[in-house]
Protein backbone atom coordinates (compact mmCIF):
# COMPACT_ATOMS: atom_id res chain seq x y z
CA MET A 1 -28.32 120.32 90.58
CA ALA A 2 -24.79 119.78 90.04
CA ARG A 3 -22.39 122.34 91.84
CA PRO A 4 -20.14 124.28 89.36
CA SER A 5 -16.29 123.39 89.64
CA LEU A 6 -14.00 125.95 91.27
CA TYR A 7 -10.97 124.87 89.33
CA SER A 8 -10.49 123.85 86.01
CA PRO A 9 -9.37 120.32 85.04
CA SER A 10 -5.93 119.94 84.18
CA PRO A 11 -4.61 118.95 80.79
CA GLN A 12 -3.73 115.75 79.62
CA ARG A 13 0.04 115.45 79.62
CA PRO A 14 1.35 113.14 76.27
CA ALA A 15 2.98 109.60 76.87
CA GLY A 16 6.26 109.79 77.42
CA PRO A 17 9.63 108.36 79.65
CA ALA A 18 9.51 108.83 83.34
CA GLN A 19 11.72 112.28 83.84
CA ALA A 20 14.69 110.97 85.84
CA LEU A 21 15.39 112.64 89.76
CA PRO A 22 18.78 114.63 89.74
CA GLY A 23 22.15 112.38 89.65
CA GLN A 24 20.18 110.09 88.14
CA ALA A 25 21.04 110.30 84.91
CA ASP A 26 25.02 110.02 85.62
CA THR A 27 23.81 106.96 86.92
CA ALA A 28 22.14 105.38 84.26
CA GLY A 29 24.96 106.38 81.68
CA LEU A 30 27.65 105.22 84.18
CA LEU A 31 25.84 101.91 84.69
CA ALA A 32 25.54 101.42 80.55
CA ALA A 33 29.17 101.66 80.64
CA ASP A 34 29.76 98.88 83.33
CA PRO A 35 26.70 96.27 82.36
CA GLY A 36 27.54 94.63 85.53
CA ALA A 37 26.86 97.56 87.86
CA SER A 38 24.10 98.15 90.14
CA ALA A 39 23.72 101.28 92.50
CA PRO A 40 20.59 101.23 95.08
CA PRO A 41 17.78 102.95 93.59
CA GLY A 42 17.78 107.03 93.61
CA GLN A 43 20.89 107.26 95.37
CA PRO A 44 23.83 108.90 93.13
CA LEU A 45 27.29 106.14 93.44
CA THR A 46 30.45 106.74 95.31
CA LEU A 47 33.99 107.97 94.73
CA ARG A 48 35.04 104.73 94.60
CA ARG A 49 32.22 102.92 92.99
CA ARG A 50 33.00 105.95 89.53
CA LEU A 51 36.67 105.31 89.88
CA ALA A 52 36.38 101.41 89.35
CA ILE A 53 33.50 102.43 86.48
CA ARG A 54 36.18 104.70 84.75
CA LEU A 55 39.12 102.31 85.27
CA HIS A 56 37.02 99.12 83.68
CA ARG A 57 36.28 101.95 80.51
CA HIS A 58 40.28 102.50 80.52
CA ARG A 59 41.05 99.16 80.79
CA ARG A 60 42.94 98.61 77.56
CA ALA A 61 45.43 101.66 77.91
CA LEU A 62 45.91 101.17 80.92
CA ALA A 63 47.20 97.56 80.55
CA ALA A 64 49.55 99.06 77.65
CA VAL A 65 51.00 101.35 79.99
CA ALA A 66 51.95 99.09 82.52
CA VAL A 67 53.55 96.48 79.74
CA LEU A 68 55.59 99.81 78.81
CA ALA A 69 56.92 100.82 82.18
CA LEU A 70 58.16 97.11 83.39
CA VAL A 71 60.02 96.90 79.50
CA THR A 72 61.71 100.14 81.05
CA ALA A 73 62.60 98.53 84.30
CA ALA A 74 63.83 95.73 83.54
CA GLY A 75 65.82 96.39 80.18
CA TRP A 76 65.86 96.14 76.85
CA PRO A 77 65.38 92.20 76.39
CA GLY A 78 68.74 90.55 75.55
CA TRP A 79 68.50 90.08 71.69
CA THR A 80 68.74 94.12 71.35
CA ALA A 81 72.27 94.33 73.65
CA ARG A 82 75.77 94.13 72.12
CA VAL A 83 77.53 90.94 73.12
CA GLN A 84 80.61 91.65 74.89
CA ARG A 85 83.62 89.18 74.56
CA PRO A 86 86.14 88.65 77.11
CA LEU A 87 89.78 90.11 76.00
CA THR A 88 92.40 87.18 74.71
CA LEU A 89 95.64 86.93 76.31
CA ALA A 90 97.22 88.33 72.94
CA GLN A 91 94.77 91.93 73.47
CA ILE A 92 95.92 91.78 76.81
CA ASP A 93 99.71 91.71 76.07
CA ALA A 94 99.80 94.33 73.67
CA ALA A 95 97.40 96.45 76.19
CA LEU A 96 100.29 96.47 78.87
CA ARG A 97 103.05 96.72 76.46
CA GLU A 98 101.05 100.11 75.34
CA SER A 99 100.38 101.14 78.68
CA ILE A 100 104.77 100.50 79.55
CA ALA A 101 105.74 102.28 76.93
CA LYS A 102 103.78 105.52 77.03
CA GLU A 103 104.86 105.19 80.63
CA PRO A 104 107.91 103.19 81.39
CA LEU A 105 107.63 101.34 84.94
CA ALA A 106 110.32 102.66 87.62
CA GLY A 107 113.36 100.38 88.73
CA PRO A 108 112.63 98.66 91.94
CA GLY A 109 115.39 100.49 93.81
CA VAL A 110 114.05 104.08 93.10
CA ALA A 111 111.29 104.45 95.69
CA ALA A 112 113.90 102.61 98.02
CA TYR A 113 116.63 105.00 97.25
CA GLN A 114 114.06 108.08 97.75
CA ALA A 115 112.93 106.78 101.09
CA VAL A 116 116.24 106.79 102.57
CA LEU A 117 117.74 109.71 101.08
CA PRO A 118 117.12 112.28 103.22
CA SER A 119 118.54 110.44 106.34
CA VAL A 120 121.83 109.61 104.71
CA VAL A 121 124.58 111.89 105.55
CA ARG A 122 128.60 112.07 104.82
CA VAL A 123 131.17 111.29 107.51
CA GLU A 124 134.57 112.46 107.36
CA GLY A 125 137.24 112.26 109.86
CA GLU A 126 140.38 114.07 110.29
CA SER A 127 143.41 113.16 112.05
CA ALA A 128 145.40 115.51 114.82
CA ALA A 129 147.79 116.20 112.63
CA ASP A 130 145.23 117.06 109.74
CA ASP A 131 143.21 118.96 112.20
CA GLY A 132 144.88 122.38 111.82
CA ARG A 133 144.00 123.15 115.12
CA PRO A 134 146.95 125.37 117.55
CA ASP A 135 148.13 123.65 120.98
CA LYS A 136 148.47 125.00 123.73
CA ASP A 137 151.77 125.98 122.76
CA GLY A 138 150.55 127.78 119.91
CA GLY A 139 151.74 124.86 117.47
CA LYS A 140 149.61 122.23 115.58
CA ALA A 141 148.82 119.36 117.65
CA PRO A 142 150.81 116.57 117.39
CA ALA A 143 149.55 113.78 115.39
CA LYS A 144 147.86 110.87 117.37
CA PRO A 145 148.76 107.14 116.55
CA ALA A 146 146.84 105.95 113.96
CA ALA A 147 144.07 103.82 115.26
CA PRO A 148 144.53 99.84 114.21
CA ARG A 149 142.90 98.77 110.84
CA LEU A 150 140.74 96.19 110.00
CA GLY A 151 142.62 96.08 106.72
CA ALA A 152 141.67 96.31 102.95
CA ASP A 153 138.59 94.74 103.36
CA HIS A 154 136.89 97.28 105.11
CA PRO A 155 135.26 99.95 102.67
CA HIS A 156 137.24 102.72 103.41
CA GLY A 157 139.10 102.18 106.26
CA GLN A 158 141.08 104.74 108.31
CA SER A 159 142.37 106.78 105.37
CA ARG A 160 142.08 107.59 101.47
CA PRO A 161 143.33 104.98 99.06
CA PRO A 162 146.25 105.94 97.44
CA GLY A 163 145.58 108.38 94.43
CA PRO A 164 143.46 111.72 94.70
CA HIS A 165 142.96 110.61 98.38
CA GLY A 166 146.30 109.96 99.63
CA GLU A 167 147.14 108.33 103.12
CA ASP A 168 146.89 111.64 105.01
CA GLY A 169 144.98 110.30 107.90
CA HIS A 170 141.44 111.88 106.48
CA SER A 171 138.41 108.99 106.26
CA VAL A 172 135.25 109.19 104.24
CA GLY A 173 132.12 107.42 105.24
CA THR A 174 128.70 107.27 105.39
CA GLY A 175 126.15 107.23 108.35
CA VAL A 176 122.65 106.85 108.40
CA VAL A 177 120.29 109.74 110.74
CA ILE A 178 118.31 106.89 113.41
CA VAL A 179 116.69 109.57 115.65
CA ASP A 180 115.95 112.96 114.64
CA LYS A 181 117.46 114.74 117.40
CA GLY A 182 120.78 114.27 115.27
CA LEU A 183 121.54 110.40 116.46
CA ILE A 184 123.74 109.30 113.57
CA LEU A 185 124.76 105.19 112.95
CA THR A 186 128.18 104.40 111.47
CA SER A 187 130.97 102.42 111.36
CA LEU A 188 133.42 102.38 114.16
CA HIS A 189 136.62 101.89 111.69
CA VAL A 190 135.25 105.34 109.97
CA VAL A 191 135.96 107.10 113.19
CA ASP A 192 138.27 105.27 115.06
CA GLY A 193 141.08 107.58 115.61
CA ALA A 194 140.07 110.50 114.58
CA ALA A 195 140.01 114.24 116.30
CA ARG A 196 137.28 115.81 114.70
CA LEU A 197 134.49 114.66 112.76
CA THR A 198 131.75 116.33 110.55
CA VAL A 199 129.02 115.54 109.39
CA THR A 200 127.24 116.50 105.67
CA PHE A 201 123.68 115.91 105.63
CA ALA A 202 121.30 115.38 102.67
CA ASP A 203 120.00 119.32 102.33
CA GLY A 204 124.14 120.15 102.53
CA SER A 205 123.93 121.58 105.55
CA GLN A 206 127.38 120.38 107.89
CA SER A 207 127.63 120.26 111.57
CA GLU A 208 130.91 119.04 113.46
CA ALA A 209 129.78 116.10 115.58
CA PHE A 210 130.98 113.70 118.86
CA VAL A 211 131.05 110.23 119.48
CA VAL A 212 128.19 108.77 122.20
CA SER A 213 129.21 105.59 122.17
CA ARG A 214 130.99 102.36 120.26
CA GLN A 215 130.51 98.79 119.86
CA PRO A 216 133.78 97.29 118.76
CA GLU A 217 132.00 93.36 118.49
CA ASN A 218 129.85 95.34 116.16
CA ASP A 219 132.04 97.95 114.30
CA LEU A 220 129.79 100.12 115.29
CA ALA A 221 129.62 103.60 116.36
CA VAL A 222 126.66 106.41 117.48
CA LEU A 223 127.67 110.25 116.87
CA GLN A 224 125.95 113.47 117.81
CA ALA A 225 125.50 116.19 115.52
CA LYS A 226 126.26 119.09 117.02
CA THR A 227 123.36 121.34 114.65
CA ILE A 228 120.91 119.70 113.00
CA PRO A 229 118.46 121.02 110.10
CA ASP A 230 115.01 122.11 110.93
CA ASP A 231 113.57 119.56 108.54
CA LEU A 232 116.04 116.15 109.96
CA HIS A 233 114.53 112.77 108.98
CA ALA A 234 115.04 109.81 110.56
CA ALA A 235 115.57 106.33 108.60
CA THR A 236 112.64 103.57 109.40
CA LEU A 237 114.24 100.43 110.75
CA ARG A 238 113.21 97.11 109.74
CA SER A 239 114.16 93.67 111.60
CA THR A 240 115.70 91.12 109.15
CA ALA A 241 113.96 88.40 111.25
CA GLY A 242 112.18 88.11 107.90
CA LEU A 243 114.82 88.50 105.88
CA SER A 244 115.82 85.89 103.17
CA PRO A 245 118.63 85.05 100.91
CA GLY A 246 117.23 86.14 97.13
CA GLU A 247 115.54 89.55 98.70
CA PRO A 248 116.55 92.92 96.69
CA VAL A 249 118.50 95.18 98.76
CA LEU A 250 119.97 98.67 97.93
CA ALA A 251 123.24 99.74 99.52
CA VAL A 252 123.46 103.31 100.02
CA GLY A 253 126.70 105.40 100.37
CA PHE A 254 130.10 107.40 99.35
CA PRO A 255 132.02 105.04 97.87
CA PHE A 256 135.77 106.78 96.98
CA GLY A 257 133.72 109.86 98.36
CA ILE A 258 131.78 109.96 95.27
CA GLY A 259 127.70 110.22 96.33
CA PRO A 260 125.63 109.48 97.62
CA SER A 261 125.50 106.80 95.67
CA ALA A 262 123.25 103.65 95.39
CA SER A 263 123.91 100.07 94.18
CA LEU A 264 121.42 96.89 94.39
CA GLY A 265 121.83 93.47 94.66
CA VAL A 266 120.91 91.16 96.90
CA VAL A 267 120.98 89.02 100.21
CA SER A 268 123.04 86.38 99.62
CA GLY A 269 123.45 84.84 103.16
CA LEU A 270 122.46 84.90 106.83
CA LYS A 271 124.62 84.58 109.71
CA ARG A 272 128.10 85.18 108.42
CA GLU A 273 130.82 85.12 109.88
CA PHE A 274 133.97 87.99 108.94
CA ARG A 275 137.48 88.19 110.03
CA SER A 276 140.05 91.14 109.14
CA PRO A 277 143.13 89.57 107.51
CA GLU A 278 145.05 91.10 110.36
CA GLY A 279 142.84 88.99 112.82
CA GLN A 280 142.15 91.68 115.02
CA ARG A 281 138.47 91.68 114.71
CA ILE A 282 135.82 89.10 114.24
CA LEU A 283 132.39 89.99 113.50
CA THR A 284 129.34 87.51 113.34
CA ASN A 285 126.39 87.44 112.55
CA LEU A 286 126.16 89.25 109.41
CA ILE A 287 124.21 89.46 106.28
CA GLN A 288 126.06 88.64 103.14
CA PHE A 289 124.97 91.02 100.45
CA ASP A 290 126.08 91.42 96.60
CA ALA A 291 125.04 94.92 96.12
CA ALA A 292 128.36 97.21 94.90
CA ALA A 293 129.77 98.88 98.16
CA ASN A 294 133.26 100.16 98.06
CA PRO A 295 135.81 102.43 100.29
CA GLY A 296 133.52 104.74 101.42
CA ASN A 297 130.32 102.75 101.74
CA SER A 298 131.02 101.89 105.45
CA GLY A 299 128.51 102.84 108.27
CA GLY A 300 125.96 102.91 105.27
CA PRO A 301 122.74 101.96 105.49
CA LEU A 302 121.46 98.25 103.62
CA VAL A 303 117.91 99.09 102.18
CA THR A 304 114.93 96.87 101.11
CA MET A 305 112.63 97.70 98.41
CA ASP A 306 110.24 98.99 101.05
CA GLY A 307 112.73 101.81 102.02
CA HIS A 308 113.71 100.04 105.26
CA VAL A 309 117.16 99.71 106.71
CA VAL A 310 117.71 96.28 107.96
CA GLY A 311 121.70 96.41 108.34
CA ILE A 312 124.78 99.02 108.46
CA VAL A 313 127.80 98.09 105.79
CA ALA A 314 130.65 97.20 107.80
CA ALA A 315 133.26 95.26 105.09
CA ILE A 316 133.96 93.87 101.60
CA MET A 317 135.62 90.50 100.67
CA ASN A 318 139.52 91.48 99.41
CA PRO A 319 141.00 88.05 98.77
CA ASN A 320 143.80 90.20 96.36
CA GLN A 321 144.20 92.60 98.83
CA GLN A 322 142.69 95.79 96.17
CA ARG A 323 140.24 97.34 98.53
CA THR A 324 137.50 96.66 95.15
CA PHE A 325 134.63 94.99 95.38
CA ILE A 326 134.05 91.69 94.37
CA GLY A 327 130.78 90.80 94.79
CA ILE A 328 130.60 89.90 98.84
CA GLY A 329 129.67 92.26 101.13
CA PHE A 330 128.76 92.06 104.61
CA ALA A 331 126.77 94.45 106.91
CA VAL A 332 125.58 94.21 110.56
CA PRO A 333 122.12 93.86 111.37
CA ILE A 334 120.56 96.47 112.38
CA GLU A 335 119.12 95.15 115.86
CA ALA A 336 122.89 94.72 117.35
CA ALA A 337 122.68 98.81 115.33
CA ALA A 338 119.81 99.71 117.88
CA ALA A 339 121.47 98.33 120.79
CA GLY A 340 123.85 100.66 120.47
CA VAL A 341 121.85 103.16 120.39
CA GLY A 342 120.32 102.33 123.89
CA MET A 343 116.84 101.51 122.10
CA PRO A 344 114.68 98.73 121.36
CA PRO A 345 114.48 98.79 117.18
CA PHE A 346 111.23 97.93 117.18
């Protein structure tokens, strides 16, 4: 006899596709997008594999983006750039002329003059008779005998020329400050025989001065001012070793007491010799120049275009004895001048 079943039989399920395990549906979709992809059965895809599948899916868009980035980095093709043609000589010349017309170039001596001007001083000498100071007896001091003159060829010797600057025992020359403590270099014939010396600085201030050293063989004298301005500037000295004929130079001084005045010229020669008409002195190893120099320029600086002093104006050639410039001037090299101060110049 058959025993009755304790459980009723399960109903029959209709046949259909097998259900995928969790995560297998996504795997199937990704594998369908990449036919070559494969994954172990029953395991989810790794993160690297998923990224690879997505890159494969969007490969065309990524390629377009990469091409655009390369084009941007390298610049647009040459056919899109504007061709720059070189300027012609005529265009360059026209541009230079237009620029110079708007702002003209300064003369070659302007910078040199401005550089040396703060160091240039006016030197005035007065004889004992011109001094006006009483002697020990209460009267004026007797006039001292005039010092030997070097002749009319010197730019302002011991006295002023006839006319408004009469022969009154008053001398006017030029000097240049070479040490900011008040040491001034000038020509000996400007101060020789003077009982009193007065120097006028670039700022207009004046001071008495006295001679501290002499170089008769070079017609040079070194003065010391008693009082000096607070902002006194010393000139820059340059060796004459590199000086050549034809090089531009500037003569700065007080010709006929007018100044400071500047005149531009060139070095005409080197190692020249000069003898005064009286034959009292012979100056050697001189710089010859053609910048205009007249009485009053003596002791003034001869300046290169970089504003450096290469010489001290000492004499001018005057065959006609008129004491005016005819185109030949002489200056003592600065090496000899600095030696008069007792210091090496460079």
